[in-house]
Amino acid sequence: MEALVASILSSRKYRGLGIPEQTLRDLVAQELQHGRNGKELEQAVREKLHNIVAPYLGDPDYPAADARLATVFASGDVQTIKAECRALLAAHASTRERLPVLEEFYPRLFAITGRPRVVLDLACGLHPFGLPWMGLPDGARYYAYDLHQPRIALINHFFRLSGLPELAFHQDILVEPPREPADVAFFFKEAHRFEQRQRGCNRAFWQAIPARWLLVSLPSSSLTGRRDLADRQRTLVQRTLDGLEWAVTEIQILDEMVFCIRKHI
């Protein structure tokens, strides 16, 4: 296991991303349980890691983004800062699709949950750059978690410039779920990929999240827009919640289905 983990993490594709070793060990252990070994094992692990990291969804130039953030915050101009945040959101497919509705997106969610004072952003991607549109109360605490080390470093830089605590963490949340109690947990456009990583894992993971509200979003169509995924996504959520007495409110915002789940914790 250790040799395979070291080989993949040091490969040209992944060595700059800072993927946690615990993620690779978990993937290898899962595939070993399926009886795979040798080249078959390595191929299976690489395929799952590719899906988890999702390079096809896009990323900014992190050093350049770091410098631009410093410049726009030094200007002190709110609109300039928001423009840079929009540019960063546009760098990743999952957040780019949300740009046309940024002004209405969070008010619609918080009309259901109430404005949170503590937020967990699970497998956050670039979503924390939506903070200027969230309207969180003064003193709110925003925890963000991602596998991608350069992304976490950029988010903490953004938090620091914004006068917020640096609460972005480089962490595999499936292996090590967050423990901070929260009002709302965002889990946006990731549950279907968690299923591909480990079938059925969402149920235990959702139960482990210490938040009053879990907001799970899923795409209602494929990236190309050619396939309708709505029924498949509802089935995923229904199967995950089977037998749990958690109230669910579903809303549709463009091609994003958001399941607002009121947990009993």
C-alpha atoms as a PDB file:
ATOM      1  CA  MET A   1       0.000   0.000   0.000  1.00  0.00           C
ATOM      2  CA  GLU A   2       2.679   2.528   1.016  1.00  0.00           C
ATOM      3  CA  ALA A   3       4.619   2.050  -2.228  1.00  0.00           C
ATOM      4  CA  LEU A   4       1.492   2.579  -4.338  1.00  0.00           C
ATOM      5  CA  VAL A   5       0.431   5.643  -2.318  1.00  0.00           C
ATOM      6  CA  ALA A   6       3.895   7.195  -2.670  1.00  0.00           C
ATOM      7  CA  SER A   7       4.015   6.431  -6.405  1.00  0.00           C
ATOM      8  CA  ILE A   8       0.673   8.099  -7.158  1.00  0.00           C
ATOM      9  CA  LEU A   9       1.235  11.153  -4.951  1.00  0.00           C
ATOM     10  CA  SER A  10       4.642  11.801  -6.524  1.00  0.00           C
ATOM     11  CA  SER A  11       3.337  11.428 -10.097  1.00  0.00           C
ATOM     12  CA  ARG A  12       3.358  14.516 -12.333  1.00  0.00           C
ATOM     13  CA  LYS A  13      -0.439  14.666 -12.319  1.00  0.00           C
ATOM     14  CA  TYR A  14      -0.855  14.831  -8.539  1.00  0.00           C
ATOM     15  CA  ARG A  15       2.378  15.945  -6.886  1.00  0.00           C
ATOM     16  CA  GLY A  16       1.431  19.633  -6.912  1.00  0.00           C
ATOM     17  CA  LEU A  17      -2.033  19.143  -5.438  1.00  0.00           C
ATOM     18  CA  GLY A  18      -1.143  18.006  -1.929  1.00  0.00           C
ATOM     19  CA  ILE A  19      -3.706  15.191  -1.873  1.00  0.00           C
ATOM     20  CA  PRO A  20      -3.858  13.790   1.702  1.00  0.00           C
ATOM     21  CA  GLU A  21      -2.173  10.423   2.112  1.00  0.00           C
ATOM     22  CA  GLN A  22      -5.239   9.238   4.058  1.00  0.00           C
ATOM     23  CA  THR A  23      -7.290   9.576   0.859  1.00  0.00           C
ATOM     24  CA  LEU A  24      -4.999   7.279  -1.100  1.00  0.00           C
ATOM     25  CA  ARG A  25      -4.814   4.767   1.735  1.00  0.00           C
ATOM     26  CA  ASP A  26      -8.602   4.703   1.898  1.00  0.00           C
ATOM     27  CA  LEU A  27      -8.926   4.172  -1.859  1.00  0.00           C
ATOM     28  CA  VAL A  28      -6.330   1.397  -1.853  1.00  0.00           C
ATOM     29  CA  ALA A  29      -8.000  -0.324   1.120  1.00  0.00           C
ATOM     30  CA  GLN A  30     -11.397  -0.201  -0.598  1.00  0.00           C
ATOM     31  CA  GLU A  31     -10.028  -1.765  -3.787  1.00  0.00           C
ATOM     32  CA  LEU A  32      -8.079  -4.431  -1.885  1.00  0.00           C
ATOM     33  CA  GLN A  33     -11.379  -5.511  -0.323  1.00  0.00           C
ATOM     34  CA  HIS A  34     -12.628  -6.120  -3.871  1.00  0.00           C
ATOM     35  CA  GLY A  35      -9.729  -8.486  -4.493  1.00  0.00           C
ATOM     36  CA  ARG A  36      -7.770  -6.228  -6.812  1.00  0.00           C
ATOM     37  CA  ASN A  37      -3.991  -6.179  -6.869  1.00  0.00           C
ATOM     38  CA  GLY A  38      -1.057  -5.246  -9.081  1.00  0.00           C
ATOM     39  CA  LYS A  39      -1.822  -3.159 -12.179  1.00  0.00           C
ATOM     40  CA  GLU A  40      -5.565  -3.672 -11.776  1.00  0.00           C
ATOM     41  CA  LEU A  41      -5.396  -2.196  -8.273  1.00  0.00           C
ATOM     42  CA  GLU A  42      -3.382   0.822  -9.396  1.00  0.00           C
ATOM     43  CA  GLN A  43      -5.697   1.510 -12.336  1.00  0.00           C
ATOM     44  CA  ALA A  44      -8.815   1.344 -10.144  1.00  0.00           C
ATOM     45  CA  VAL A  45      -7.287   3.701  -7.569  1.00  0.00           C
ATOM     46  CA  ARG A  46      -6.161   6.165 -10.242  1.00  0.00           C
ATOM     47  CA  GLU A  47      -9.630   6.203 -11.824  1.00  0.00           C
ATOM     48  CA  LYS A  48     -11.314   6.943  -8.498  1.00  0.00           C
ATOM     49  CA  LEU A  49      -8.771   9.610  -7.607  1.00  0.00           C
ATOM     50  CA  HIS A  50      -9.318  11.293 -10.973  1.00  0.00           C
ATOM     51  CA  ASN A  51     -13.040  11.453 -10.245  1.00  0.00           C
ATOM     52  CA  ILE A  52     -12.456  12.813  -6.719  1.00  0.00           C
ATOM     53  CA  VAL A  53      -9.998  15.521  -7.774  1.00  0.00           C
ATOM     54  CA  ALA A  54     -12.081  16.325 -10.898  1.00  0.00           C
ATOM     55  CA  PRO A  55      -9.446  18.284 -12.863  1.00  0.00           C
ATOM     56  CA  TYR A  56     -11.923  18.491 -15.764  1.00  0.00           C
ATOM     57  CA  LEU A  57     -14.036  20.951 -13.735  1.00  0.00           C
ATOM     58  CA  GLY A  58     -11.309  23.610 -13.770  1.00  0.00           C
ATOM     59  CA  ASP A  59      -9.036  25.548 -11.411  1.00  0.00           C
ATOM     60  CA  PRO A  60      -7.507  29.024 -11.365  1.00  0.00           C
ATOM     61  CA  ASP A  61      -3.813  29.823 -11.552  1.00  0.00           C
ATOM     62  CA  TYR A  62      -3.310  29.794  -7.783  1.00  0.00           C
ATOM     63  CA  PRO A  63      -0.199  32.000  -7.456  1.00  0.00           C
ATOM     64  CA  ALA A  64      -1.745  34.571  -9.814  1.00  0.00           C
ATOM     65  CA  ALA A  65      -5.066  34.455  -7.933  1.00  0.00           C
ATOM     66  CA  ASP A  66      -3.232  34.934  -4.638  1.00  0.00           C
ATOM     67  CA  ALA A  67      -1.563  38.091  -5.974  1.00  0.00           C
ATOM     68  CA  ARG A  68      -4.801  39.458  -7.460  1.00  0.00           C
ATOM     69  CA  LEU A  69      -6.655  38.997  -4.168  1.00  0.00           C
ATOM     70  CA  ALA A  70      -3.981  40.971  -2.327  1.00  0.00           C
ATOM     71  CA  THR A  71      -4.254  43.758  -4.895  1.00  0.00           C
ATOM     72  CA  VAL A  72      -8.047  44.066  -4.896  1.00  0.00           C
ATOM     73  CA  PHE A  73      -8.296  44.002  -1.106  1.00  0.00           C
ATOM     74  CA  ALA A  74      -5.595  46.686  -0.902  1.00  0.00           C
ATOM     75  CA  SER A  75      -7.819  48.860  -3.095  1.00  0.00           C
ATOM     76  CA  GLY A  76     -10.579  48.672  -0.480  1.00  0.00           C
ATOM     77  CA  ASP A  77     -13.216  48.836  -3.211  1.00  0.00           C
ATOM     78  CA  VAL A  78     -16.072  46.405  -2.489  1.00  0.00           C
ATOM     79  CA  GLN A  79     -17.136  46.072  -6.120  1.00  0.00           C
ATOM     80  CA  THR A  80     -13.578  45.331  -7.250  1.00  0.00           C
ATOM     81  CA  ILE A  81     -13.302  42.649  -4.579  1.00  0.00           C
ATOM     82  CA  LYS A  82     -16.617  41.112  -5.650  1.00  0.00           C
ATOM     83  CA  ALA A  83     -15.521  41.157  -9.293  1.00  0.00           C
ATOM     84  CA  GLU A  84     -12.409  39.145  -8.385  1.00  0.00           C
ATOM     85  CA  CYS A  85     -14.516  36.708  -6.373  1.00  0.00           C
ATOM     86  CA  ARG A  86     -16.785  36.249  -9.401  1.00  0.00           C
ATOM     87  CA  ALA A  87     -13.734  35.564 -11.559  1.00  0.00           C
ATOM     88  CA  LEU A  88     -12.586  32.883  -9.126  1.00  0.00           C
ATOM     89  CA  LEU A  89     -16.048  31.310  -8.990  1.00  0.00           C
ATOM     90  CA  ALA A  90     -15.987  31.217 -12.795  1.00  0.00           C
ATOM     91  CA  ALA A  91     -12.780  29.142 -12.777  1.00  0.00           C
ATOM     92  CA  HIS A  92     -14.612  25.967 -11.675  1.00  0.00           C
ATOM     93  CA  ALA A  93     -17.615  24.474 -13.485  1.00  0.00           C
ATOM     94  CA  SER A  94     -19.628  23.815 -10.332  1.00  0.00           C
ATOM     95  CA  THR A  95     -19.559  27.435  -9.159  1.00  0.00           C
ATOM     96  CA  ARG A  96     -19.524  28.974 -12.666  1.00  0.00           C
ATOM     97  CA  GLU A  97     -23.004  27.609 -13.302  1.00  0.00           C
ATOM     98  CA  ARG A  98     -24.288  29.513 -10.270  1.00  0.00           C
ATOM     99  CA  LEU A  99     -23.048  32.963 -11.337  1.00  0.00           C
ATOM    100  CA  PRO A 100     -26.282  34.133 -13.044  1.00  0.00           C
ATOM    101  CA  VAL A 101     -28.260  33.638  -9.808  1.00  0.00           C
ATOM    102  CA  LEU A 102     -25.749  34.619  -7.111  1.00  0.00           C
ATOM    103  CA  GLU A 103     -27.943  37.448  -5.829  1.00  0.00           C
ATOM    104  CA  GLU A 104     -30.940  35.177  -5.233  1.00  0.00           C
ATOM    105  CA  PHE A 105     -29.236  31.855  -4.471  1.00  0.00           C
ATOM    106  CA  TYR A 106     -28.436  32.308  -0.766  1.00  0.00           C
ATOM    107  CA  PRO A 107     -31.598  34.240   0.183  1.00  0.00           C
ATOM    108  CA  ARG A 108     -33.641  31.317  -1.154  1.00  0.00           C
ATOM    109  CA  LEU A 109     -31.673  28.839   0.931  1.00  0.00           C
ATOM    110  CA  PHE A 110     -31.648  30.899   4.098  1.00  0.00           C
ATOM    111  CA  ALA A 111     -35.380  31.589   3.798  1.00  0.00           C
ATOM    112  CA  ILE A 112     -35.687  27.884   4.684  1.00  0.00           C
ATOM    113  CA  THR A 113     -32.837  27.450   7.170  1.00  0.00           C
ATOM    114  CA  GLY A 114     -32.527  30.904   8.686  1.00  0.00           C
ATOM    115  CA  ARG A 115     -29.271  32.871   8.441  1.00  0.00           C
ATOM    116  CA  PRO A 116     -26.542  30.651   9.871  1.00  0.00           C
ATOM    117  CA  ARG A 117     -23.943  31.808  12.352  1.00  0.00           C
ATOM    118  CA  VAL A 118     -21.777  28.715  11.835  1.00  0.00           C
ATOM    119  CA  VAL A 119     -21.311  27.135   8.404  1.00  0.00           C
ATOM    120  CA  LEU A 120     -19.521  23.989   7.253  1.00  0.00           C
ATOM    121  CA  ASP A 121     -18.591  23.981   3.553  1.00  0.00           C
ATOM    122  CA  LEU A 122     -17.929  20.323   2.748  1.00  0.00           C
ATOM    123  CA  ALA A 123     -15.698  19.474  -0.228  1.00  0.00           C
ATOM    124  CA  CYS A 124     -15.864  23.216  -0.798  1.00  0.00           C
ATOM    125  CA  GLY A 125     -14.038  23.685  -4.087  1.00  0.00           C
ATOM    126  CA  LEU A 126     -14.076  27.430  -4.820  1.00  0.00           C
ATOM    127  CA  HIS A 127     -17.484  27.980  -3.224  1.00  0.00           C
ATOM    128  CA  PRO A 128     -16.161  30.091  -0.274  1.00  0.00           C
ATOM    129  CA  PHE A 129     -15.606  32.926  -2.770  1.00  0.00           C
ATOM    130  CA  GLY A 130     -19.383  33.257  -2.747  1.00  0.00           C
ATOM    131  CA  LEU A 131     -19.167  34.731   0.775  1.00  0.00           C
ATOM    132  CA  PRO A 132     -19.748  38.346  -0.384  1.00  0.00           C
ATOM    133  CA  TRP A 133     -23.238  37.287  -1.527  1.00  0.00           C
ATOM    134  CA  MET A 134     -24.205  35.204   1.510  1.00  0.00           C
ATOM    135  CA  GLY A 135     -25.082  38.011   3.899  1.00  0.00           C
ATOM    136  CA  LEU A 136     -23.890  36.117   6.963  1.00  0.00           C
ATOM    137  CA  PRO A 137     -24.200  37.937  10.302  1.00  0.00           C
ATOM    138  CA  ASP A 138     -21.220  39.643  11.922  1.00  0.00           C
ATOM    139  CA  GLY A 139     -19.105  37.155  13.841  1.00  0.00           C
ATOM    140  CA  ALA A 140     -20.231  34.174  11.745  1.00  0.00           C
ATOM    141  CA  ARG A 141     -17.742  31.319  11.526  1.00  0.00           C
ATOM    142  CA  TYR A 142     -17.148  29.672   8.163  1.00  0.00           C
ATOM    143  CA  TYR A 143     -15.361  26.308   8.056  1.00  0.00           C
ATOM    144  CA  ALA A 144     -14.264  24.997   4.646  1.00  0.00           C
ATOM    145  CA  TYR A 145     -12.817  21.569   3.788  1.00  0.00           C
ATOM    146  CA  ASP A 146     -11.138  20.339   0.623  1.00  0.00           C
ATOM    147  CA  LEU A 147      -8.560  17.794  -0.578  1.00  0.00           C
ATOM    148  CA  HIS A 148      -6.673  20.304  -2.724  1.00  0.00           C
ATOM    149  CA  GLN A 149      -3.874  21.983  -0.742  1.00  0.00           C
ATOM    150  CA  PRO A 150      -3.288  25.006  -3.057  1.00  0.00           C
ATOM    151  CA  ARG A 151      -7.046  25.669  -3.008  1.00  0.00           C
ATOM    152  CA  ILE A 152      -7.125  25.635   0.791  1.00  0.00           C
ATOM    153  CA  ALA A 153      -4.147  27.996   0.944  1.00  0.00           C
ATOM    154  CA  LEU A 154      -5.914  30.455  -1.390  1.00  0.00           C
ATOM    155  CA  ILE A 155      -9.160  30.285   0.603  1.00  0.00           C
ATOM    156  CA  ASN A 156      -7.326  30.972   3.869  1.00  0.00           C
ATOM    157  CA  HIS A 157      -5.608  33.931   2.211  1.00  0.00           C
ATOM    158  CA  PHE A 158      -9.060  35.208   1.200  1.00  0.00           C
ATOM    159  CA  PHE A 159     -10.368  34.697   4.740  1.00  0.00           C
ATOM    160  CA  ARG A 160      -7.380  36.540   6.195  1.00  0.00           C
ATOM    161  CA  LEU A 161      -7.814  39.495   3.829  1.00  0.00           C
ATOM    162  CA  SER A 162     -11.537  39.544   4.663  1.00  0.00           C
ATOM    163  CA  GLY A 163     -10.777  39.783   8.386  1.00  0.00           C
ATOM    164  CA  LEU A 164     -12.146  36.290   9.029  1.00  0.00           C
ATOM    165  CA  PRO A 165     -10.559  33.396  10.957  1.00  0.00           C
ATOM    166  CA  GLU A 166      -8.513  31.077   8.724  1.00  0.00           C
ATOM    167  CA  LEU A 167     -10.847  28.091   8.997  1.00  0.00           C
ATOM    168  CA  ALA A 168     -10.160  26.303   5.715  1.00  0.00           C
ATOM    169  CA  PHE A 169      -8.779  22.809   6.253  1.00  0.00           C
ATOM    170  CA  HIS A 170      -6.933  20.337   4.064  1.00  0.00           C
ATOM    171  CA  GLN A 171      -8.943  17.258   5.006  1.00  0.00           C
ATOM    172  CA  ASP A 172     -10.585  14.164   3.539  1.00  0.00           C
ATOM    173  CA  ILE A 173     -14.051  14.600   5.019  1.00  0.00           C
ATOM    174  CA  LEU A 174     -15.172  11.084   4.108  1.00  0.00           C
ATOM    175  CA  VAL A 175     -12.348   9.555   6.141  1.00  0.00           C
ATOM    176  CA  GLU A 176     -12.434  12.259   8.818  1.00  0.00           C
ATOM    177  CA  PRO A 177     -15.795  14.102   8.983  1.00  0.00           C
ATOM    178  CA  PRO A 178     -15.793  17.573  10.571  1.00  0.00           C
ATOM    179  CA  ARG A 179     -16.651  17.755  14.265  1.00  0.00           C
ATOM    180  CA  GLU A 180     -17.589  21.437  14.577  1.00  0.00           C
ATOM    181  CA  PRO A 181     -21.308  21.859  15.408  1.00  0.00           C
ATOM    182  CA  ALA A 182     -22.960  24.123  12.844  1.00  0.00           C
ATOM    183  CA  ASP A 183     -26.250  25.662  11.833  1.00  0.00           C
ATOM    184  CA  VAL A 184     -25.853  24.835   8.134  1.00  0.00           C
ATOM    185  CA  ALA A 185     -23.589  22.483   6.181  1.00  0.00           C
ATOM    186  CA  PHE A 186     -23.194  22.985   2.428  1.00  0.00           C
ATOM    187  CA  PHE A 187     -22.553  19.790   0.465  1.00  0.00           C
ATOM    188  CA  PHE A 188     -22.766  21.039  -3.098  1.00  0.00           C
ATOM    189  CA  LYS A 189     -22.497  18.856  -6.213  1.00  0.00           C
ATOM    190  CA  GLU A 190     -20.472  16.139  -4.489  1.00  0.00           C
ATOM    191  CA  ALA A 191     -22.835  13.437  -3.200  1.00  0.00           C
ATOM    192  CA  HIS A 192     -22.961  11.658  -6.579  1.00  0.00           C
ATOM    193  CA  ARG A 193     -19.160  11.575  -6.716  1.00  0.00           C
ATOM    194  CA  PHE A 194     -19.032  10.217  -3.159  1.00  0.00           C
ATOM    195  CA  GLU A 195     -21.242   7.355  -4.384  1.00  0.00           C
ATOM    196  CA  GLN A 196     -18.768   6.645  -7.179  1.00  0.00           C
ATOM    197  CA  ARG A 197     -15.936   6.600  -4.681  1.00  0.00           C
ATOM    198  CA  GLN A 198     -17.702   4.267  -2.232  1.00  0.00           C
ATOM    199  CA  ARG A 199     -21.231   3.129  -2.946  1.00  0.00           C
ATOM    200  CA  GLY A 200     -23.619   3.849  -0.072  1.00  0.00           C
ATOM    201  CA  CYS A 201     -21.165   6.017   1.867  1.00  0.00           C
ATOM    202  CA  ASN A 202     -23.386   9.113   1.917  1.00  0.00           C
ATOM    203  CA  ARG A 203     -25.742   7.788   4.586  1.00  0.00           C
ATOM    204  CA  ALA A 204     -23.117   7.386   7.318  1.00  0.00           C
ATOM    205  CA  PHE A 205     -21.394  10.567   6.190  1.00  0.00           C
ATOM    206  CA  TRP A 206     -24.552  12.696   6.351  1.00  0.00           C
ATOM    207  CA  GLN A 207     -25.353  11.258   9.767  1.00  0.00           C
ATOM    208  CA  ALA A 208     -21.878  12.178  10.995  1.00  0.00           C
ATOM    209  CA  ILE A 209     -22.158  15.866  10.050  1.00  0.00           C
ATOM    210  CA  PRO A 210     -23.002  17.877  13.207  1.00  0.00           C
ATOM    211  CA  ALA A 211     -25.239  20.468  11.552  1.00  0.00           C
ATOM    212  CA  ARG A 212     -28.923  21.295  12.083  1.00  0.00           C
ATOM    213  CA  TRP A 213     -29.400  21.741   8.333  1.00  0.00           C
ATOM    214  CA  LEU A 214     -27.623  19.810   5.595  1.00  0.00           C
ATOM    215  CA  LEU A 215     -27.966  21.431   2.172  1.00  0.00           C
ATOM    216  CA  VAL A 216     -27.188  18.856  -0.506  1.00  0.00           C
ATOM    217  CA  SER A 217     -27.135  20.051  -4.097  1.00  0.00           C
ATOM    218  CA  LEU A 218     -26.908  17.893  -7.195  1.00  0.00           C
ATOM    219  CA  PRO A 219     -26.899  18.724 -10.901  1.00  0.00           C
ATOM    220  CA  SER A 220     -30.214  18.081 -12.634  1.00  0.00           C
ATOM    221  CA  SER A 221     -28.478  17.596 -15.979  1.00  0.00           C
ATOM    222  CA  SER A 222     -25.095  16.392 -17.213  1.00  0.00           C
ATOM    223  CA  LEU A 223     -22.209  18.795 -17.846  1.00  0.00           C
ATOM    224  CA  THR A 224     -23.083  18.801 -21.544  1.00  0.00           C
ATOM    225  CA  GLY A 225     -26.763  19.407 -20.792  1.00  0.00           C
ATOM    226  CA  ARG A 226     -27.765  16.401 -22.875  1.00  0.00           C
ATOM    227  CA  ARG A 227     -28.932  14.073 -20.071  1.00  0.00           C
ATOM    228  CA  ASP A 228     -31.646  14.717 -17.524  1.00  0.00           C
ATOM    229  CA  LEU A 229     -30.401  13.504 -14.132  1.00  0.00           C
ATOM    230  CA  ALA A 230     -33.238  14.714 -11.898  1.00  0.00           C
ATOM    231  CA  ASP A 231     -34.854  11.333 -11.215  1.00  0.00           C
ATOM    232  CA  ARG A 232     -31.473   9.709 -10.561  1.00  0.00           C
ATOM    233  CA  GLN A 233     -30.526  12.428  -8.068  1.00  0.00           C
ATOM    234  CA  ARG A 234     -33.832  12.211  -6.195  1.00  0.00           C
ATOM    235  CA  THR A 235     -33.353   8.453  -5.948  1.00  0.00           C
ATOM    236  CA  LEU A 236     -29.873   8.954  -4.498  1.00  0.00           C
ATOM    237  CA  VAL A 237     -31.225  11.290  -1.803  1.00  0.00           C
ATOM    238  CA  GLN A 238     -34.260   9.110  -1.029  1.00  0.00           C
ATOM    239  CA  ARG A 239     -32.118   5.978  -0.744  1.00  0.00           C
ATOM    240  CA  THR A 240     -29.640   7.766   1.516  1.00  0.00           C
ATOM    241  CA  LEU A 241     -32.391   9.029   3.835  1.00  0.00           C
ATOM    242  CA  ASP A 242     -34.467   5.845   3.866  1.00  0.00           C
ATOM    243  CA  GLY A 243     -35.738   5.281   7.409  1.00  0.00           C
ATOM    244  CA  LEU A 244     -34.390   8.588   8.745  1.00  0.00           C
ATOM    245  CA  GLU A 245     -37.063  10.972   9.979  1.00  0.00           C
ATOM    246  CA  TRP A 246     -35.459  14.064   8.467  1.00  0.00           C
ATOM    247  CA  ALA A 247     -37.645  16.660   6.764  1.00  0.00           C
ATOM    248  CA  VAL A 248     -36.593  17.544   3.205  1.00  0.00           C
ATOM    249  CA  THR A 249     -37.458  20.615   1.145  1.00  0.00           C
ATOM    250  CA  GLU A 250     -36.376  20.483  -2.497  1.00  0.00           C
ATOM    251  CA  ILE A 251     -35.829  23.624  -4.527  1.00  0.00           C
ATOM    252  CA  GLN A 252     -34.598  24.048  -8.104  1.00  0.00           C
ATOM    253  CA  ILE A 253     -32.250  26.893  -9.056  1.00  0.00           C
ATOM    254  CA  LEU A 254     -31.265  26.751 -12.732  1.00  0.00           C
ATOM    255  CA  ASP A 255     -29.790  23.260 -13.237  1.00  0.00           C
ATOM    256  CA  GLU A 256     -29.079  22.736  -9.530  1.00  0.00           C
ATOM    257  CA  MET A 257     -31.376  20.725  -7.285  1.00  0.00           C
ATOM    258  CA  VAL A 258     -30.940  21.689  -3.635  1.00  0.00           C
ATOM    259  CA  PHE A 259     -32.252  19.322  -0.967  1.00  0.00           C
ATOM    260  CA  CYS A 260     -32.611  21.265   2.283  1.00  0.00           C
ATOM    261  CA  ILE A 261     -32.491  18.531   4.934  1.00  0.00           C
ATOM    262  CA  ARG A 262     -33.500  19.323   8.513  1.00  0.00           C
ATOM    263  CA  LYS A 263     -31.557  16.872  10.627  1.00  0.00           C
ATOM    264  CA  HIS A 264     -32.667  15.622  14.035  1.00  0.00           C
ATOM    265  CA  ILE A 265     -29.465  15.994  16.040  1.00  0.00           C
END
